[in-house]
PDB file of N, CA and C in Angstrom:
ATOM      1  N   MET A   1     199.422   8.746 118.977  1.00  0.00           N
ATOM      2  CA  MET A   1     198.083   8.599 119.515  1.00  0.00           C
ATOM      3  C   MET A   1     197.765   9.814 120.378  1.00  0.00           C
ATOM      4  N   ASN A   2     196.600  10.387 120.184  1.00  0.00           N
ATOM      5  CA  ASN A   2     196.210  11.574 120.929  1.00  0.00           C
ATOM      6  C   ASN A   2     195.676  11.224 122.304  1.00  0.00           C
ATOM      7  N   GLU A   3     195.981  12.095 123.232  1.00  0.00           N
ATOM      8  CA  GLU A   3     195.456  11.915 124.583  1.00  0.00           C
ATOM      9  C   GLU A   3     194.038  12.464 124.650  1.00  0.00           C
ATOM     10  N   SER A   4     193.208  11.822 125.439  1.00  0.00           N
ATOM     11  CA  SER A   4     191.854  12.324 125.644  1.00  0.00           C
ATOM     12  C   SER A   4     191.900  13.461 126.666  1.00  0.00           C
ATOM     13  N   ASN A   5     190.830  14.220 126.719  1.00  0.00           N
ATOM     14  CA  ASN A   5     190.735  15.287 127.724  1.00  0.00           C
ATOM     15  C   ASN A   5     190.847  14.707 129.128  1.00  0.00           C
ATOM     16  N   ARG A   6     190.234  13.571 129.328  1.00  0.00           N
ATOM     17  CA  ARG A   6     190.269  12.915 130.654  1.00  0.00           C
ATOM     18  C   ARG A   6     191.703  12.559 131.043  1.00  0.00           C
ATOM     19  N   GLN A   7     192.463  11.994 130.102  1.00  0.00           N
ATOM     20  CA  GLN A   7     193.854  11.654 130.380  1.00  0.00           C
ATOM     21  C   GLN A   7     194.648  12.900 130.755  1.00  0.00           C
ATOM     22  N   ARG A   8     194.457  13.972 129.994  1.00  0.00           N
ATOM     23  CA  ARG A   8     195.186  15.227 130.275  1.00  0.00           C
ATOM     24  C   ARG A   8     194.811  15.791 131.644  1.00  0.00           C
ATOM     25  N   LYS A   9     193.538  15.745 131.979  1.00  0.00           N
ATOM     26  CA  LYS A   9     193.102  16.279 133.272  1.00  0.00           C
ATOM     27  C   LYS A   9     193.667  15.472 134.436  1.00  0.00           C
ATOM     28  N   VAL A  10     193.612  14.148 134.316  1.00  0.00           N
ATOM     29  CA  VAL A  10     194.147  13.290 135.373  1.00  0.00           C
ATOM     30  C   VAL A  10     195.657  13.490 135.485  1.00  0.00           C
ATOM     31  N   ALA A  11     196.347  13.582 134.350  1.00  0.00           N
ATOM     32  CA  ALA A  11     197.797  13.808 134.365  1.00  0.00           C
ATOM     33  C   ALA A  11     198.142  15.144 135.026  1.00  0.00           C
ATOM     34  N   GLN A  12     197.353  16.163 134.743  1.00  0.00           N
ATOM     35  CA  GLN A  12     197.597  17.482 135.337  1.00  0.00           C
ATOM     36  C   GLN A  12     197.399  17.445 136.848  1.00  0.00           C
ATOM     37  N   ILE A  13     196.360  16.772 137.309  1.00  0.00           N
ATOM     38  CA  ILE A  13     196.109  16.654 138.745  1.00  0.00           C
ATOM     39  C   ILE A  13     197.264  15.918 139.420  1.00  0.00           C
ATOM     40  N   ILE A  14     197.714  14.827 138.801  1.00  0.00           N
ATOM     41  CA  ILE A  14     198.822  14.057 139.370  1.00  0.00           C
ATOM     42  C   ILE A  14     200.077  14.913 139.422  1.00  0.00           C
ATOM     43  N   GLN A  15     200.348  15.641 138.337  1.00  0.00           N
ATOM     44  CA  GLN A  15     201.550  16.481 138.287  1.00  0.00           C
ATOM     45  C   GLN A  15     201.516  17.546 139.387  1.00  0.00           C
ATOM     46  N   GLU A  16     200.392  18.204 139.566  1.00  0.00           N
ATOM     47  CA  GLU A  16     200.279  19.243 140.596  1.00  0.00           C
ATOM     48  C   GLU A  16     200.416  18.656 141.997  1.00  0.00           C
ATOM     49  N   ASP A  17     199.771  17.518 142.246  1.00  0.00           N
ATOM     50  CA  ASP A  17     199.833  16.899 143.569  1.00  0.00           C
ATOM     51  C   ASP A  17     201.249  16.448 143.915  1.00  0.00           C
ATOM     52  N   PHE A  18     201.929  15.816 142.961  1.00  0.00           N
ATOM     53  CA  PHE A  18     203.288  15.359 143.233  1.00  0.00           C
ATOM     54  C   PHE A  18     204.287  16.504 143.309  1.00  0.00           C
ATOM     55  N   ALA A  19     204.073  17.554 142.527  1.00  0.00           N
ATOM     56  CA  ALA A  19     204.956  18.724 142.622  1.00  0.00           C
ATOM     57  C   ALA A  19     204.892  19.303 144.035  1.00  0.00           C
ATOM     58  N   GLU A  20     203.701  19.421 144.563  1.00  0.00           N
ATOM     59  CA  GLU A  20     203.519  19.931 145.930  1.00  0.00           C
ATOM     60  C   GLU A  20     204.142  18.986 146.960  1.00  0.00           C
ATOM     61  N   LEU A  21     203.908  17.696 146.804  1.00  0.00           N
ATOM     62  CA  LEU A  21     204.455  16.704 147.728  1.00  0.00           C
ATOM     63  C   LEU A  21     205.985  16.743 147.745  1.00  0.00           C
ATOM     64  N   PHE A  22     206.600  16.724 146.564  1.00  0.00           N
ATOM     65  CA  PHE A  22     208.064  16.723 146.500  1.00  0.00           C
ATOM     66  C   PHE A  22     208.651  18.041 146.989  1.00  0.00           C
ATOM     67  N   ARG A  23     207.942  19.141 146.767  1.00  0.00           N
ATOM     68  CA  ARG A  23     208.404  20.439 147.275  1.00  0.00           C
ATOM     69  C   ARG A  23     208.444  20.418 148.799  1.00  0.00           C
ATOM     70  N   LYS A  24     207.396  19.890 149.415  1.00  0.00           N
ATOM     71  CA  LYS A  24     207.347  19.793 150.880  1.00  0.00           C
ATOM     72  C   LYS A  24     208.440  18.873 151.409  1.00  0.00           C
ATOM     73  N   GLN A  25     208.642  17.731 150.750  1.00  0.00           N
ATOM     74  CA  GLN A  25     209.668  16.790 151.199  1.00  0.00           C
ATOM     75  C   GLN A  25     211.057  17.405 151.112  1.00  0.00           C
ATOM     76  N   ALA A  26     211.325  18.149 150.055  1.00  0.00           N
ATOM     77  CA  ALA A  26     212.640  18.784 149.906  1.00  0.00           C
ATOM     78  C   ALA A  26     212.845  19.853 150.974  1.00  0.00           C
ATOM     79  N   ALA A  27     211.781  20.576 151.303  1.00  0.00           N
ATOM     80  CA  ALA A  27     211.884  21.626 152.326  1.00  0.00           C
ATOM     81  C   ALA A  27     212.140  21.025 153.703  1.00  0.00           C
ATOM     82  N   GLU A  28     211.563  19.854 153.982  1.00  0.00           N
ATOM     83  CA  GLU A  28     211.715  19.212 155.289  1.00  0.00           C
ATOM     84  C   GLU A  28     213.014  18.423 155.410  1.00  0.00           C
ATOM     85  N   SER A  29     213.682  18.163 154.291  1.00  0.00           N
ATOM     86  CA  SER A  29     214.884  17.334 154.290  1.00  0.00           C
ATOM     87  C   SER A  29     216.101  18.129 154.769  1.00  0.00           C
ATOM     88  N   ALA A  30     217.055  17.403 155.344  1.00  0.00           N
ATOM     89  CA  ALA A  30     218.312  18.031 155.777  1.00  0.00           C
ATOM     90  C   ALA A  30     219.200  18.317 154.571  1.00  0.00           C
ATOM     91  N   GLN A  31     219.034  17.542 153.484  1.00  0.00           N
ATOM     92  CA  GLN A  31     219.831  17.751 152.278  1.00  0.00           C
ATOM     93  C   GLN A  31     219.196  18.820 151.398  1.00  0.00           C
ATOM     94  N   ASN A  32     220.026  19.490 150.620  1.00  0.00           N
ATOM     95  CA  ASN A  32     219.512  20.466 149.660  1.00  0.00           C
ATOM     96  C   ASN A  32     219.350  19.780 148.317  1.00  0.00           C
ATOM     97  N   PHE A  33     218.111  19.596 147.896  1.00  0.00           N
ATOM     98  CA  PHE A  33     217.838  19.006 146.595  1.00  0.00           C
ATOM     99  C   PHE A  33     216.505  19.531 146.080  1.00  0.00           C
ATOM    100  N   LEU A  34     216.284  19.304 144.804  1.00  0.00           N
ATOM    101  CA  LEU A  34     215.056  19.740 144.160  1.00  0.00           C
ATOM    102  C   LEU A  34     214.544  18.603 143.284  1.00  0.00           C
ATOM    103  N   VAL A  35     213.295  18.252 143.478  1.00  0.00           N
ATOM    104  CA  VAL A  35     212.641  17.260 142.628  1.00  0.00           C
ATOM    105  C   VAL A  35     211.471  17.969 141.962  1.00  0.00           C
ATOM    106  N   SER A  36     211.520  18.041 140.638  1.00  0.00           N
ATOM    107  CA  SER A  36     210.397  18.656 139.925  1.00  0.00           C
ATOM    108  C   SER A  36     209.760  17.619 139.007  1.00  0.00           C
ATOM    109  N   VAL A  37     208.459  17.720 138.877  1.00  0.00           N
ATOM    110  CA  VAL A  37     207.705  16.804 138.029  1.00  0.00           C
ATOM    111  C   VAL A  37     207.632  17.450 136.652  1.00  0.00           C
ATOM    112  N   SER A  38     208.447  16.932 135.719  1.00  0.00           N
ATOM    113  CA  SER A  38     208.525  17.566 134.403  1.00  0.00           C
ATOM    114  C   SER A  38     207.398  17.136 133.470  1.00  0.00           C
ATOM    115  N   ASP A  39     206.894  15.913 133.650  1.00  0.00           N
ATOM    116  CA  ASP A  39     205.833  15.450 132.759  1.00  0.00           C
ATOM    117  C   ASP A  39     205.111  14.269 133.384  1.00  0.00           C
ATOM    118  N   VAL A  40     203.836  14.146 133.081  1.00  0.00           N
ATOM    119  CA  VAL A  40     203.047  12.988 133.501  1.00  0.00           C
ATOM    120  C   VAL A  40     202.222  12.532 132.306  1.00  0.00           C
ATOM    121  N   LYS A  41     202.309  11.258 132.006  1.00  0.00           N
ATOM    122  CA  LYS A  41     201.485  10.662 130.960  1.00  0.00           C
ATOM    123  C   LYS A  41     200.656   9.553 131.590  1.00  0.00           C
ATOM    124  N   VAL A  42     199.384   9.510 131.244  1.00  0.00           N
ATOM    125  CA  VAL A  42     198.473   8.509 131.788  1.00  0.00           C
ATOM    126  C   VAL A  42     197.980   7.637 130.635  1.00  0.00           C
ATOM    127  N   THR A  43     197.960   6.329 130.867  1.00  0.00           N
ATOM    128  CA  THR A  43     197.487   5.413 129.826  1.00  0.00           C
ATOM    129  C   THR A  43     195.997   5.645 129.560  1.00  0.00           C
ATOM    130  N   PRO A  44     195.505   5.252 128.379  1.00  0.00           N
ATOM    131  CA  PRO A  44     194.089   5.487 128.033  1.00  0.00           C
ATOM    132  C   PRO A  44     193.092   4.907 129.041  1.00  0.00           C
ATOM    133  N   ASP A  45     193.437   3.788 129.692  1.00  0.00           N
ATOM    134  CA  ASP A  45     192.520   3.214 130.681  1.00  0.00           C
ATOM    135  C   ASP A  45     192.709   3.828 132.072  1.00  0.00           C
ATOM    136  N   LEU A  46     193.583   4.839 132.168  1.00  0.00           N
ATOM    137  CA  LEU A  46     193.892   5.541 133.429  1.00  0.00           C
ATOM    138  C   LEU A  46     194.464   4.596 134.481  1.00  0.00           C
ATOM    139  N   GLY A  47     195.038   3.488 134.039  1.00  0.00           N
ATOM    140  CA  GLY A  47     195.556   2.491 134.970  1.00  0.00           C
ATOM    141  C   GLY A  47     196.997   2.710 135.381  1.00  0.00           C
ATOM    142  N   ILE A  48     197.775   3.408 134.550  1.00  0.00           N
ATOM    143  CA  ILE A  48     199.186   3.641 134.850  1.00  0.00           C
ATOM    144  C   ILE A  48     199.515   5.105 134.595  1.00  0.00           C
ATOM    145  N   ALA A  49     200.220   5.711 135.546  1.00  0.00           N
ATOM    146  CA  ALA A  49     200.709   7.077 135.387  1.00  0.00           C
ATOM    147  C   ALA A  49     202.227   7.020 135.300  1.00  0.00           C
ATOM    148  N   LYS A  50     202.776   7.506 134.188  1.00  0.00           N
ATOM    149  CA  LYS A  50     204.224   7.567 133.999  1.00  0.00           C
ATOM    150  C   LYS A  50     204.672   8.965 134.382  1.00  0.00           C
ATOM    151  N   ILE A  51     205.434   9.043 135.457  1.00  0.00           N
ATOM    152  CA  ILE A  51     205.815  10.335 136.033  1.00  0.00           C
ATOM    153  C   ILE A  51     207.304  10.563 135.790  1.00  0.00           C
ATOM    154  N   HIS A  52     207.615  11.644 135.085  1.00  0.00           N
ATOM    155  CA  HIS A  52     208.994  11.979 134.761  1.00  0.00           C
ATOM    156  C   HIS A  52     209.484  13.058 135.734  1.00  0.00           C
ATOM    157  N   LEU A  53     210.611  12.768 136.398  1.00  0.00           N
ATOM    158  CA  LEU A  53     211.135  13.653 137.428  1.00  0.00           C
ATOM    159  C   LEU A  53     212.494  14.209 137.040  1.00  0.00           C
ATOM    160  N   SER A  54     212.695  15.489 137.316  1.00  0.00           N
ATOM    161  CA  SER A  54     214.018  16.107 137.206  1.00  0.00           C
ATOM    162  C   SER A  54     214.526  16.270 138.624  1.00  0.00           C
ATOM    163  N   ILE A  55     215.729  15.757 138.871  1.00  0.00           N
ATOM    164  CA  ILE A  55     216.290  15.796 140.222  1.00  0.00           C
ATOM    165  C   ILE A  55     217.618  16.534 140.178  1.00  0.00           C
ATOM    166  N   PHE A  56     217.737  17.545 141.049  1.00  0.00           N
ATOM    167  CA  PHE A  56     218.971  18.325 141.141  1.00  0.00           C
ATOM    168  C   PHE A  56     219.419  18.362 142.585  1.00  0.00           C
ATOM    169  N   PRO A  57     220.668  18.262 142.894  1.00  0.00           N
ATOM    170  CA  PRO A  57     221.809  18.083 142.001  1.00  0.00           C
ATOM    171  C   PRO A  57     221.861  16.662 141.463  1.00  0.00           C
ATOM    172  N   THR A  58     222.582  16.486 140.375  1.00  0.00           N
ATOM    173  CA  THR A  58     222.595  15.208 139.671  1.00  0.00           C
ATOM    174  C   THR A  58     223.186  14.076 140.503  1.00  0.00           C
ATOM    175  N   GLU A  59     224.115  14.377 141.412  1.00  0.00           N
ATOM    176  CA  GLU A  59     224.721  13.302 142.204  1.00  0.00           C
ATOM    177  C   GLU A  59     223.736  12.667 143.194  1.00  0.00           C
ATOM    178  N   LEU A  60     222.615  13.315 143.445  1.00  0.00           N
ATOM    179  CA  LEU A  60     221.609  12.754 144.351  1.00  0.00           C
ATOM    180  C   LEU A  60     220.510  11.982 143.610  1.00  0.00           C
ATOM    181  N   ARG A  61     220.598  11.885 142.297  1.00  0.00           N
ATOM    182  CA  ARG A  61     219.536  11.235 141.523  1.00  0.00           C
ATOM    183  C   ARG A  61     219.293   9.794 141.945  1.00  0.00           C
ATOM    184  N   LYS A  62     220.346   8.995 141.958  1.00  0.00           N
ATOM    185  CA  LYS A  62     220.165   7.570 142.264  1.00  0.00           C
ATOM    186  C   LYS A  62     219.605   7.345 143.665  1.00  0.00           C
ATOM    187  N   PRO A  63     220.162   7.971 144.725  1.00  0.00           N
ATOM    188  CA  PRO A  63     219.578   7.718 146.047  1.00  0.00           C
ATOM    189  C   PRO A  63     218.136   8.226 146.177  1.00  0.00           C
ATOM    190  N   ILE A  64     217.842   9.348 145.564  1.00  0.00           N
ATOM    191  CA  ILE A  64     216.477   9.881 145.652  1.00  0.00           C
ATOM    192  C   ILE A  64     215.513   8.985 144.880  1.00  0.00           C
ATOM    193  N   MET A  65     215.903   8.528 143.681  1.00  0.00           N
ATOM    194  CA  MET A  65     215.029   7.622 142.915  1.00  0.00           C
ATOM    195  C   MET A  65     214.830   6.309 143.655  1.00  0.00           C
ATOM    196  N   LYS A  66     215.873   5.821 144.317  1.00  0.00           N
ATOM    197  CA  LYS A  66     215.761   4.585 145.084  1.00  0.00           C
ATOM    198  C   LYS A  66     214.743   4.773 146.218  1.00  0.00           C
ATOM    199  N   GLU A  67     214.805   5.927 146.869  1.00  0.00           N
ATOM    200  CA  GLU A  67     213.858   6.222 147.950  1.00  0.00           C
ATOM    201  C   GLU A  67     212.431   6.375 147.421  1.00  0.00           C
ATOM    202  N   ILE A  68     212.290   7.026 146.276  1.00  0.00           N
ATOM    203  CA  ILE A  68     210.963   7.199 145.667  1.00  0.00           C
ATOM    204  C   ILE A  68     210.376   5.834 145.294  1.00  0.00           C
ATOM    205  N   GLU A  69     211.192   4.965 144.691  1.00  0.00           N
ATOM    206  CA  GLU A  69     210.720   3.624 144.332  1.00  0.00           C
ATOM    207  C   GLU A  69     210.321   2.827 145.575  1.00  0.00           C
ATOM    208  N   ALA A  70     211.085   2.983 146.661  1.00  0.00           N
ATOM    209  CA  ALA A  70     210.779   2.264 147.897  1.00  0.00           C
ATOM    210  C   ALA A  70     209.467   2.748 148.521  1.00  0.00           C
ATOM    211  N   ASN A  71     209.126   4.013 148.297  1.00  0.00           N
ATOM    212  CA  ASN A  71     207.920   4.604 148.897  1.00  0.00           C
ATOM    213  C   ASN A  71     206.754   4.698 147.915  1.00  0.00           C
ATOM    214  N   LYS A  72     206.819   3.946 146.829  1.00  0.00           N
ATOM    215  CA  LYS A  72     205.793   4.028 145.785  1.00  0.00           C
ATOM    216  C   LYS A  72     204.384   3.741 146.323  1.00  0.00           C
ATOM    217  N   ALA A  73     204.272   2.797 147.237  1.00  0.00           N
ATOM    218  CA  ALA A  73     202.957   2.459 147.797  1.00  0.00           C
ATOM    219  C   ALA A  73     202.381   3.633 148.594  1.00  0.00           C
ATOM    220  N   GLN A  74     203.231   4.306 149.373  1.00  0.00           N
ATOM    221  CA  GLN A  74     202.767   5.472 150.133  1.00  0.00           C
ATOM    222  C   GLN A  74     202.361   6.605 149.196  1.00  0.00           C
ATOM    223  N   TYR A  75     203.113   6.781 148.095  1.00  0.00           N
ATOM    224  CA  TYR A  75     202.769   7.830 147.133  1.00  0.00           C
ATOM    225  C   TYR A  75     201.433   7.545 146.464  1.00  0.00           C
ATOM    226  N   ARG A  76     201.172   6.283 146.166  1.00  0.00           N
ATOM    227  CA  ARG A  76     199.893   5.917 145.547  1.00  0.00           C
ATOM    228  C   ARG A  76     198.748   6.136 146.541  1.00  0.00           C
ATOM    229  N   ASN A  77     198.991   5.823 147.811  1.00  0.00           N
ATOM    230  CA  ASN A  77     198.000   6.070 148.855  1.00  0.00           C
ATOM    231  C   ASN A  77     197.713   7.567 148.974  1.00  0.00           C
ATOM    232  N   TYR A  78     198.773   8.372 148.965  1.00  0.00           N
ATOM    233  CA  TYR A  78     198.641   9.834 149.016  1.00  0.00           C
ATOM    234  C   TYR A  78     197.803  10.325 147.844  1.00  0.00           C
ATOM    235  N   LEU A  79     198.122   9.805 146.650  1.00  0.00           N
ATOM    236  CA  LEU A  79     197.385  10.189 145.455  1.00  0.00           C
ATOM    237  C   LEU A  79     195.918   9.767 145.571  1.00  0.00           C
ATOM    238  N   GLY A  80     195.673   8.592 146.136  1.00  0.00           N
ATOM    239  CA  GLY A  80     194.309   8.107 146.329  1.00  0.00           C
ATOM    240  C   GLY A  80     193.497   9.021 147.223  1.00  0.00           C
ATOM    241  N   GLN A  81     194.131   9.540 148.266  1.00  0.00           N
ATOM    242  CA  GLN A  81     193.433  10.463 149.158  1.00  0.00           C
ATOM    243  C   GLN A  81     193.109  11.773 148.442  1.00  0.00           C
ATOM    244  N   LYS A  82     194.016  12.221 147.586  1.00  0.00           N
ATOM    245  CA  LYS A  82     193.820  13.485 146.871  1.00  0.00           C
ATOM    246  C   LYS A  82     192.780  13.361 145.752  1.00  0.00           C
ATOM    247  N   MET A  83     192.760  12.200 145.084  1.00  0.00           N
ATOM    248  CA  MET A  83     191.923  12.038 143.896  1.00  0.00           C
ATOM    249  C   MET A  83     190.684  11.182 144.119  1.00  0.00           C
ATOM    250  N   ALA A  84     190.391  10.835 145.337  1.00  0.00           N
ATOM    251  CA  ALA A  84     189.316   9.878 145.629  1.00  0.00           C
ATOM    252  C   ALA A  84     187.984  10.248 144.982  1.00  0.00           C
ATOM    253  N   LYS A  85     187.657  11.509 144.941  1.00  0.00           N
ATOM    254  CA  LYS A  85     186.363  11.939 144.403  1.00  0.00           C
ATOM    255  C   LYS A  85     186.378  12.120 142.884  1.00  0.00           C
ATOM    256  N   GLN A  86     187.566  12.067 142.271  1.00  0.00           N
ATOM    257  CA  GLN A  86     187.662  12.384 140.849  1.00  0.00           C
ATOM    258  C   GLN A  86     187.804  11.156 139.945  1.00  0.00           C
ATOM    259  N   VAL A  87     188.374  10.081 140.458  1.00  0.00           N
ATOM    260  CA  VAL A  87     188.550   8.871 139.642  1.00  0.00           C
ATOM    261  C   VAL A  87     188.136   7.646 140.433  1.00  0.00           C
ATOM    262  N   ARG A  88     187.733   6.600 139.705  1.00  0.00           N
ATOM    263  CA  ARG A  88     187.339   5.360 140.369  1.00  0.00           C
ATOM    264  C   ARG A  88     188.549   4.519 140.748  1.00  0.00           C
ATOM    265  N   ILE A  89     189.531   4.477 139.833  1.00  0.00           N
ATOM    266  CA  ILE A  89     190.721   3.657 140.062  1.00  0.00           C
ATOM    267  C   ILE A  89     191.930   4.577 140.144  1.00  0.00           C
ATOM    268  N   ILE A  90     192.706   4.412 141.199  1.00  0.00           N
ATOM    269  CA  ILE A  90     193.937   5.187 141.342  1.00  0.00           C
ATOM    270  C   ILE A  90     195.001   4.497 140.490  1.00  0.00           C
ATOM    271  N   PRO A  91     195.650   5.244 139.590  1.00  0.00           N
ATOM    272  CA  PRO A  91     196.622   4.609 138.695  1.00  0.00           C
ATOM    273  C   PRO A  91     197.856   4.082 139.426  1.00  0.00           C
ATOM    274  N   ASP A  92     198.441   3.013 138.877  1.00  0.00           N
ATOM    275  CA  ASP A  92     199.746   2.563 139.349  1.00  0.00           C
ATOM    276  C   ASP A  92     200.760   3.613 138.922  1.00  0.00           C
ATOM    277  N   LEU A  93     201.820   3.756 139.698  1.00  0.00           N
ATOM    278  CA  LEU A  93     202.800   4.801 139.435  1.00  0.00           C
ATOM    279  C   LEU A  93     204.089   4.209 138.884  1.00  0.00           C
ATOM    280  N   ALA A  94     204.614   4.833 137.844  1.00  0.00           N
ATOM    281  CA  ALA A  94     205.913   4.467 137.284  1.00  0.00           C
ATOM    282  C   ALA A  94     206.742   5.746 137.211  1.00  0.00           C
ATOM    283  N   PHE A  95     207.873   5.767 137.918  1.00  0.00           N
ATOM    284  CA  PHE A  95     208.716   6.960 137.970  1.00  0.00           C
ATOM    285  C   PHE A  95     209.914   6.805 137.045  1.00  0.00           C
ATOM    286  N   TYR A  96     210.232   7.882 136.342  1.00  0.00           N
ATOM    287  CA  TYR A  96     211.367   7.903 135.422  1.00  0.00           C
ATOM    288  C   TYR A  96     212.164   9.188 135.653  1.00  0.00           C
ATOM    289  N   ILE A  97     213.481   9.098 135.426  1.00  0.00           N
ATOM    290  CA  ILE A  97     214.314  10.295 135.513  1.00  0.00           C
ATOM    291  C   ILE A  97     214.274  11.002 134.167  1.00  0.00           C
ATOM    292  N   ASP A  98     214.018  12.300 134.195  1.00  0.00           N
ATOM    293  CA  ASP A  98     213.998  13.122 132.988  1.00  0.00           C
ATOM    294  C   ASP A  98     215.370  13.771 132.838  1.00  0.00           C
ATOM    295  N   THR A  99     216.075  13.432 131.779  1.00  0.00           N
ATOM    296  CA  THR A  99     217.425  13.965 131.559  1.00  0.00           C
ATOM    297  C   THR A  99     217.458  15.018 130.459  1.00  0.00           C
ATOM    298  N   THR A 100     216.332  15.577 130.121  1.00  0.00           N
ATOM    299  CA  THR A 100     216.246  16.542 129.030  1.00  0.00           C
ATOM    300  C   THR A 100     217.175  17.731 129.251  1.00  0.00           C
ATOM    301  N   LEU A 101     217.174  18.285 130.460  1.00  0.00           N
ATOM    302  CA  LEU A 101     218.019  19.453 130.727  1.00  0.00           C
ATOM    303  C   LEU A 101     219.495  19.098 130.654  1.00  0.00           C
ATOM    304  N   ASP A 102     219.867  17.890 131.069  1.00  0.00           N
ATOM    305  CA  ASP A 102     221.256  17.442 130.950  1.00  0.00           C
ATOM    306  C   ASP A 102     221.655  17.357 129.481  1.00  0.00           C
ATOM    307  N   ASP A 103     220.751  16.834 128.657  1.00  0.00           N
ATOM    308  CA  ASP A 103     221.030  16.706 127.232  1.00  0.00           C
ATOM    309  C   ASP A 103     221.216  18.085 126.596  1.00  0.00           C
ATOM    310  N   VAL A 104     220.375  19.042 126.971  1.00  0.00           N
ATOM    311  CA  VAL A 104     220.480  20.404 126.444  1.00  0.00           C
ATOM    312  C   VAL A 104     221.824  21.016 126.843  1.00  0.00           C
ATOM    313  N   GLU A 105     222.200  20.847 128.100  1.00  0.00           N
ATOM    314  CA  GLU A 105     223.469  21.396 128.584  1.00  0.00           C
ATOM    315  C   GLU A 105     224.649  20.765 127.844  1.00  0.00           C
ATOM    316  N   ARG A 106     224.617  19.464 127.646  1.00  0.00           N
ATOM    317  CA  ARG A 106     225.695  18.765 126.931  1.00  0.00           C
ATOM    318  C   ARG A 106     225.795  19.258 125.491  1.00  0.00           C
ATOM    319  N   ILE A 107     224.669  19.428 124.826  1.00  0.00           N
ATOM    320  CA  ILE A 107     224.664  19.907 123.442  1.00  0.00           C
ATOM    321  C   ILE A 107     225.206  21.330 123.367  1.00  0.00           C
ATOM    322  N   GLU A 108     224.805  22.190 124.319  1.00  0.00           N
ATOM    323  CA  GLU A 108     225.311  23.558 124.328  1.00  0.00           C
ATOM    324  C   GLU A 108     226.824  23.586 124.512  1.00  0.00           C
ATOM    325  N   LYS A 109     227.345  22.725 125.377  1.00  0.00           N
ATOM    326  CA  LYS A 109     228.797  22.641 125.562  1.00  0.00           C
ATOM    327  C   LYS A 109     229.483  22.212 124.275  1.00  0.00           C
ATOM    328  N   GLU A 110     228.909  21.212 123.620  1.00  0.00           N
ATOM    329  CA  GLU A 110     229.478  20.727 122.364  1.00  0.00           C
ATOM    330  C   GLU A 110     229.504  21.840 121.313  1.00  0.00           C
ATOM    331  N   LEU A 111     228.415  22.601 121.228  1.00  0.00           N
ATOM    332  CA  LEU A 111     228.347  23.672 120.239  1.00  0.00           C
ATOM    333  C   LEU A 111     229.357  24.786 120.531  1.00  0.00           C
ATOM    334  N   LYS A 112     229.649  25.008 121.802  1.00  0.00           N
ATOM    335  CA  LYS A 112     230.642  26.024 122.181  1.00  0.00           C
ATOM    336  C   LYS A 112     232.065  25.502 122.048  1.00  0.00           C
ATOM    337  N   GLY A 113     232.223  24.203 121.768  1.00  0.00           N
ATOM    338  CA  GLY A 113     233.544  23.624 121.638  1.00  0.00           C
ATOM    339  C   GLY A 113     234.150  23.198 122.963  1.00  0.00           C
ATOM    340  N   GLU A 114     233.348  23.161 124.016  1.00  0.00           N
ATOM    341  CA  GLU A 114     233.841  22.802 125.352  1.00  0.00           C
ATOM    342  C   GLU A 114     233.688  21.316 125.668  1.00  0.00           C
ATOM    343  N   GLY A 115     232.963  20.595 124.841  1.00  0.00           N
ATOM    344  CA  GLY A 115     232.701  19.187 125.104  1.00  0.00           C
ATOM    345  C   GLY A 115     233.871  18.312 124.692  1.00  0.00           C
ATOM    346  N   ASP A 116     233.699  17.022 124.821  1.00  0.00           N
ATOM    347  CA  ASP A 116     234.739  16.073 124.422  1.00  0.00           C
ATOM    348  C   ASP A 116     234.435  15.551 123.020  1.00  0.00           C
ATOM    349  N   ASN A 117     234.712  16.385 122.035  1.00  0.00           N
ATOM    350  CA  ASN A 117     234.460  16.081 120.636  1.00  0.00           C
ATOM    351  C   ASN A 117     235.494  15.068 120.142  1.00  0.00           C
ATOM    352  N   PRO A 118     235.087  13.902 119.702  1.00  0.00           N
ATOM    353  CA  PRO A 118     236.053  12.876 119.262  1.00  0.00           C
ATOM    354  C   PRO A 118     236.746  13.224 117.945  1.00  0.00           C
ATOM    355  N   ILE A 119     236.217  14.163 117.177  1.00  0.00           N
ATOM    356  CA  ILE A 119     236.809  14.527 115.891  1.00  0.00           C
ATOM    357  C   ILE A 119     238.068  15.363 116.090  1.00  0.00           C
ATOM    358  N   LEU A 120     238.087  16.176 117.123  1.00  0.00           N
ATOM    359  CA  LEU A 120     239.236  17.066 117.332  1.00  0.00           C
ATOM    360  C   LEU A 120     240.426  16.347 117.847  1.00  0.00           C
TER     361      LEU A 120
END
């Protein structure tokens, strides 16, 4: 199913706003971590935004995702303040971990013969 221009525009705004927010949070944190917004998909009714996050280092993924889920209401409020003039309804937020880069790294290791190949 193709996305409408409106869906793409709203997704782009959400991605830019959250990228900036997470960049600021990482800079203010005592821990060294990076949260990047790899993709945002918005449903056709603009009611739900599915936000895919890449979190580095990998050992901090679970605690950071737990914190993000706990603060989902504040993030939606933040988004509402940023998008108030552009949309009537602020979408509900659904956060997902994006493991694409991990998959690429694992495949590259396998191709180099460094992985745990069960055939060998």
